[in-house]
Each structure stands twice: as structure tokens, then as C-alpha cells.
Amino acid sequence: IGREAFARWLDYVAALKGEDLLRFKALVHVAEQPDAPMVVHGVQHVFHPPITLAGWPSADRRSRLVFIVRGIPRQIIENTLCKFAAVSRAAIQRSAA
């Protein structure tokens, strides 16, 4: 995911649904730095500055986004991710939860 596109998407989600975004955390494969993942976390409208790790914790280099929300349908998150961060729908894998 491009860094700017991801930041734009996250700003959009926080502005649109921030009070219902109870917790968010992510390990992101950033296109501009594929060997150094970015860690992001926040609560509602408050996000900590992203941290860039020195390397991946394992051989799996997929981005992982975890949401704890109140009343935000998964489809809204997926649709906005595809639209604002230019992520293909085929690239989205859902967890069992």
C-alpha cells in the first residue's frame, strides 16, 4: 500500500467514523519501503505517529489491519480501503472473526 494513499484512507475513516472506531492497529506493507513495515495504532480520532520497523517479524509480508468497532459494517471498511488506498478487492483476506 502506498504510504500517502494509506494515510489518506486512515484520515478519511477517522473523520467519518472516528467515534465508532474503538481500536485500530495495523502492520502495513508500505510500497515505498517493502523491507520495513509500518506499525499504526489508534483509538477513535486519536492515532499515534506511525513507527517504521527495521524489518518484518516473519517471512509473511502481508499487511494486517485489526479493527474493533461499534456499528461499522465490514463492507464500509473494505470499500473505503479499495477506493482511497487503491487496494484491490482480491487482496483483502478476511479473518475468521
N, C-alpha and C. Protein backbone atom coordinates (compact mmCIF):
# COMPACT_ATOMS: atom_id res chain seq x y z
N ILE A 1 0.86 -1.18 0.00
CA ILE A 1 0.00 0.00 0.00
C ILE A 1 0.90 1.23 0.00
N GLY A 2 0.60 2.19 -0.84
CA GLY A 2 1.36 3.43 -0.84
C GLY A 2 1.15 4.19 0.46
N ARG A 3 2.21 4.76 0.98
CA ARG A 3 2.15 5.46 2.27
C ARG A 3 1.12 6.58 2.27
N GLU A 4 1.15 7.43 1.26
CA GLU A 4 0.22 8.56 1.21
C GLU A 4 -1.23 8.10 1.03
N ALA A 5 -1.43 7.09 0.21
CA ALA A 5 -2.78 6.56 0.00
C ALA A 5 -3.32 5.96 1.29
N PHE A 6 -2.48 5.25 2.02
CA PHE A 6 -2.90 4.67 3.29
C PHE A 6 -3.24 5.76 4.30
N ALA A 7 -2.40 6.78 4.39
CA ALA A 7 -2.64 7.90 5.31
C ALA A 7 -3.94 8.62 4.97
N ARG A 8 -4.19 8.82 3.68
CA ARG A 8 -5.43 9.48 3.24
C ARG A 8 -6.65 8.63 3.63
N TRP A 9 -6.57 7.32 3.43
CA TRP A 9 -7.66 6.43 3.79
C TRP A 9 -7.91 6.45 5.30
N LEU A 10 -6.84 6.37 6.09
CA LEU A 10 -6.99 6.36 7.53
C LEU A 10 -7.59 7.68 8.04
N ASP A 11 -7.16 8.80 7.48
CA ASP A 11 -7.75 10.10 7.83
C ASP A 11 -9.24 10.12 7.51
N TYR A 12 -9.60 9.57 6.37
CA TYR A 12 -11.00 9.54 5.94
C TYR A 12 -11.84 8.70 6.91
N VAL A 13 -11.37 7.51 7.25
CA VAL A 13 -12.10 6.63 8.16
C VAL A 13 -12.24 7.28 9.54
N ALA A 14 -11.16 7.88 10.04
CA ALA A 14 -11.21 8.53 11.34
C ALA A 14 -12.18 9.70 11.34
N ALA A 15 -12.20 10.48 10.27
CA ALA A 15 -13.10 11.62 10.19
C ALA A 15 -14.56 11.16 10.06
N LEU A 16 -14.79 10.14 9.29
CA LEU A 16 -16.14 9.67 9.02
C LEU A 16 -16.74 8.87 10.17
N LYS A 17 -15.94 7.99 10.76
CA LYS A 17 -16.45 7.03 11.74
C LYS A 17 -15.64 6.99 13.03
N GLY A 18 -14.86 8.02 13.31
CA GLY A 18 -13.93 8.01 14.43
C GLY A 18 -14.52 7.64 15.76
N GLU A 19 -15.70 8.16 16.10
CA GLU A 19 -16.24 7.86 17.42
C GLU A 19 -16.64 6.39 17.58
N ASP A 20 -16.85 5.71 16.46
CA ASP A 20 -17.19 4.29 16.49
C ASP A 20 -15.99 3.38 16.22
N LEU A 21 -14.84 3.98 15.99
CA LEU A 21 -13.60 3.23 15.79
C LEU A 21 -12.96 3.08 17.17
N LEU A 22 -13.33 2.02 17.88
CA LEU A 22 -12.91 1.85 19.26
C LEU A 22 -11.42 1.54 19.38
N ARG A 23 -10.88 0.79 18.42
CA ARG A 23 -9.45 0.45 18.43
C ARG A 23 -9.05 0.05 17.03
N PHE A 24 -7.86 0.47 16.63
CA PHE A 24 -7.31 0.11 15.33
C PHE A 24 -5.83 -0.15 15.52
N LYS A 25 -5.35 -1.23 14.91
CA LYS A 25 -3.91 -1.47 14.87
C LYS A 25 -3.58 -2.14 13.55
N ALA A 26 -2.39 -1.87 13.06
CA ALA A 26 -2.03 -2.40 11.75
C ALA A 26 -0.52 -2.58 11.63
N LEU A 27 -0.16 -3.58 10.85
CA LEU A 27 1.20 -3.79 10.39
C LEU A 27 1.07 -3.69 8.87
N VAL A 28 1.68 -2.67 8.28
CA VAL A 28 1.41 -2.33 6.89
C VAL A 28 2.65 -2.52 6.01
N HIS A 29 2.45 -3.22 4.91
CA HIS A 29 3.48 -3.37 3.89
C HIS A 29 3.42 -2.11 3.01
N VAL A 30 4.35 -1.22 3.24
CA VAL A 30 4.37 0.07 2.53
C VAL A 30 5.15 -0.09 1.23
N ALA A 31 4.53 0.31 0.13
CA ALA A 31 5.14 0.13 -1.19
C ALA A 31 6.51 0.79 -1.30
N GLU A 32 6.65 1.95 -0.69
CA GLU A 32 7.91 2.70 -0.80
C GLU A 32 9.04 2.10 0.04
N GLN A 33 8.71 1.26 1.03
CA GLN A 33 9.71 0.63 1.89
C GLN A 33 9.32 -0.82 2.15
N PRO A 34 9.41 -1.68 1.17
CA PRO A 34 8.92 -3.06 1.32
C PRO A 34 9.64 -3.89 2.38
N ASP A 35 10.85 -3.51 2.76
CA ASP A 35 11.59 -4.29 3.76
C ASP A 35 11.39 -3.76 5.18
N ALA A 36 10.64 -2.67 5.32
CA ALA A 36 10.45 -2.05 6.63
C ALA A 36 8.96 -1.76 6.84
N PRO A 37 8.24 -2.66 7.51
CA PRO A 37 6.81 -2.45 7.71
C PRO A 37 6.52 -1.28 8.65
N MET A 38 5.35 -0.73 8.48
CA MET A 38 4.91 0.40 9.31
C MET A 38 3.86 -0.10 10.31
N VAL A 39 4.00 0.31 11.55
CA VAL A 39 3.05 -0.04 12.60
C VAL A 39 2.23 1.20 12.90
N VAL A 40 0.90 1.03 12.92
CA VAL A 40 -0.02 2.14 13.19
C VAL A 40 -1.03 1.67 14.22
N HIS A 41 -1.37 2.53 15.16
CA HIS A 41 -2.46 2.19 16.08
C HIS A 41 -3.11 3.46 16.59
N GLY A 42 -4.40 3.29 16.92
CA GLY A 42 -5.15 4.42 17.41
C GLY A 42 -6.45 4.02 18.06
N VAL A 43 -7.08 5.01 18.68
CA VAL A 43 -8.38 4.85 19.33
C VAL A 43 -9.23 6.04 18.93
N GLN A 44 -10.39 5.76 18.36
CA GLN A 44 -11.32 6.78 17.87
C GLN A 44 -10.60 7.76 16.94
N HIS A 45 -10.53 9.03 17.30
CA HIS A 45 -9.89 10.03 16.43
C HIS A 45 -8.40 10.22 16.73
N VAL A 46 -7.89 9.51 17.71
CA VAL A 46 -6.51 9.70 18.15
C VAL A 46 -5.62 8.58 17.62
N PHE A 47 -4.65 8.95 16.80
CA PHE A 47 -3.70 7.98 16.24
C PHE A 47 -2.30 8.37 16.65
N HIS A 48 -1.54 7.38 17.05
CA HIS A 48 -0.14 7.62 17.38
C HIS A 48 0.65 7.74 16.08
N PRO A 49 1.77 8.47 16.10
CA PRO A 49 2.58 8.55 14.89
C PRO A 49 3.01 7.15 14.45
N PRO A 50 2.99 6.89 13.14
CA PRO A 50 3.41 5.57 12.66
C PRO A 50 4.87 5.30 13.02
N ILE A 51 5.16 4.04 13.25
CA ILE A 51 6.52 3.61 13.55
C ILE A 51 6.96 2.68 12.42
N THR A 52 8.14 2.90 11.91
CA THR A 52 8.70 2.02 10.88
C THR A 52 9.65 1.04 11.56
N LEU A 53 9.38 -0.24 11.38
CA LEU A 53 10.22 -1.28 11.96
C LEU A 53 11.46 -1.51 11.09
N ALA A 54 12.51 -2.02 11.68
CA ALA A 54 13.74 -2.31 10.94
C ALA A 54 13.56 -3.47 9.97
N GLY A 55 12.61 -4.35 10.24
CA GLY A 55 12.37 -5.50 9.38
C GLY A 55 11.07 -6.18 9.76
N TRP A 56 10.69 -7.16 8.99
CA TRP A 56 9.47 -7.92 9.23
C TRP A 56 9.68 -8.93 10.35
N PRO A 57 8.66 -9.17 11.17
CA PRO A 57 8.81 -10.14 12.26
C PRO A 57 8.83 -11.59 11.79
N SER A 58 8.39 -11.84 10.55
CA SER A 58 8.40 -13.19 9.99
C SER A 58 8.52 -13.08 8.48
N ALA A 59 8.48 -14.21 7.80
CA ALA A 59 8.57 -14.22 6.34
C ALA A 59 7.28 -13.72 5.68
N ASP A 60 6.20 -13.68 6.42
CA ASP A 60 4.91 -13.23 5.91
C ASP A 60 4.90 -11.70 5.85
N ARG A 61 4.82 -11.15 4.65
CA ARG A 61 4.90 -9.70 4.46
C ARG A 61 3.57 -9.07 4.08
N ARG A 62 2.49 -9.74 4.41
CA ARG A 62 1.17 -9.18 4.13
C ARG A 62 0.82 -8.13 5.17
N SER A 63 0.10 -7.10 4.73
CA SER A 63 -0.43 -6.12 5.68
C SER A 63 -1.50 -6.77 6.53
N ARG A 64 -1.58 -6.33 7.78
CA ARG A 64 -2.62 -6.83 8.69
C ARG A 64 -3.27 -5.63 9.35
N LEU A 65 -4.58 -5.55 9.25
CA LEU A 65 -5.33 -4.46 9.86
C LEU A 65 -6.36 -5.07 10.79
N VAL A 66 -6.39 -4.61 12.03
CA VAL A 66 -7.32 -5.12 13.03
C VAL A 66 -8.19 -3.96 13.51
N PHE A 67 -9.50 -4.17 13.46
CA PHE A 67 -10.45 -3.15 13.88
C PHE A 67 -11.32 -3.70 15.01
N ILE A 68 -11.54 -2.87 16.01
CA ILE A 68 -12.59 -3.11 16.99
C ILE A 68 -13.51 -1.90 16.83
N VAL A 69 -14.75 -2.16 16.43
CA VAL A 69 -15.65 -1.06 16.08
C VAL A 69 -17.01 -1.23 16.75
N ARG A 70 -17.76 -0.16 16.68
CA ARG A 70 -19.14 -0.18 17.16
C ARG A 70 -20.02 0.24 15.98
N GLY A 71 -20.71 -0.73 15.40
CA GLY A 71 -21.69 -0.44 14.36
C GLY A 71 -21.15 -0.04 13.00
N ILE A 72 -19.90 -0.33 12.70
CA ILE A 72 -19.36 -0.05 11.37
C ILE A 72 -19.32 -1.37 10.61
N PRO A 73 -20.13 -1.50 9.56
CA PRO A 73 -20.10 -2.74 8.79
C PRO A 73 -18.73 -2.97 8.12
N ARG A 74 -18.31 -4.21 8.11
CA ARG A 74 -17.03 -4.57 7.48
C ARG A 74 -16.96 -4.07 6.03
N GLN A 75 -18.10 -4.12 5.35
CA GLN A 75 -18.15 -3.70 3.94
C GLN A 75 -17.73 -2.25 3.77
N ILE A 76 -18.08 -1.38 4.70
CA ILE A 76 -17.69 0.03 4.61
C ILE A 76 -16.17 0.16 4.70
N ILE A 77 -15.57 -0.55 5.62
CA ILE A 77 -14.12 -0.51 5.75
C ILE A 77 -13.45 -1.03 4.49
N GLU A 78 -13.92 -2.15 3.99
CA GLU A 78 -13.33 -2.73 2.78
C GLU A 78 -13.52 -1.81 1.57
N ASN A 79 -14.72 -1.26 1.41
CA ASN A 79 -14.98 -0.38 0.26
C ASN A 79 -14.09 0.86 0.28
N THR A 80 -13.96 1.47 1.46
CA THR A 80 -13.13 2.67 1.53
C THR A 80 -11.65 2.34 1.34
N LEU A 81 -11.22 1.19 1.83
CA LEU A 81 -9.83 0.77 1.63
C LEU A 81 -9.53 0.60 0.15
N CYS A 82 -10.45 -0.02 -0.57
CA CYS A 82 -10.28 -0.20 -2.01
C CYS A 82 -10.26 1.14 -2.74
N LYS A 83 -11.17 2.03 -2.36
CA LYS A 83 -11.30 3.30 -3.07
C LYS A 83 -10.17 4.28 -2.75
N PHE A 84 -9.88 4.48 -1.47
CA PHE A 84 -8.94 5.53 -1.09
C PHE A 84 -7.49 5.07 -1.00
N ALA A 85 -7.26 3.80 -0.75
CA ALA A 85 -5.89 3.30 -0.65
C ALA A 85 -5.49 2.46 -1.85
N ALA A 86 -6.39 2.38 -2.83
CA ALA A 86 -6.12 1.65 -4.08
C ALA A 86 -5.74 0.19 -3.83
N VAL A 87 -6.44 -0.44 -2.89
CA VAL A 87 -6.22 -1.86 -2.61
C VAL A 87 -7.25 -2.65 -3.41
N SER A 88 -6.80 -3.68 -4.09
CA SER A 88 -7.74 -4.48 -4.87
C SER A 88 -8.59 -5.34 -3.94
N ARG A 89 -9.84 -5.54 -4.32
CA ARG A 89 -10.74 -6.36 -3.50
C ARG A 89 -10.18 -7.78 -3.35
N ALA A 90 -9.51 -8.29 -4.38
CA ALA A 90 -8.95 -9.64 -4.33
C ALA A 90 -7.84 -9.76 -3.28
N ALA A 91 -7.22 -8.65 -2.93
CA ALA A 91 -6.13 -8.67 -1.97
C ALA A 91 -6.61 -8.73 -0.53
N ILE A 92 -7.90 -8.49 -0.30
CA ILE A 92 -8.45 -8.49 1.05
C ILE A 92 -8.79 -9.90 1.48
N GLN A 93 -8.17 -10.34 2.56
CA GLN A 93 -8.46 -11.66 3.13
C GLN A 93 -9.11 -11.43 4.47
N ARG A 94 -10.20 -12.06 4.71
CA ARG A 94 -10.93 -11.89 5.95
C ARG A 94 -10.51 -12.91 6.98
N SER A 95 -10.49 -12.47 8.22
CA SER A 95 -10.20 -13.40 9.31
C SER A 95 -11.47 -14.19 9.62
N ALA A 96 -11.33 -15.15 10.49
CA ALA A 96 -12.47 -15.99 10.87
C ALA A 96 -13.46 -15.23 11.76
N ALA A 97 -13.03 -14.14 12.36
CA ALA A 97 -13.90 -13.39 13.29
C ALA A 97 -15.01 -12.67 12.57
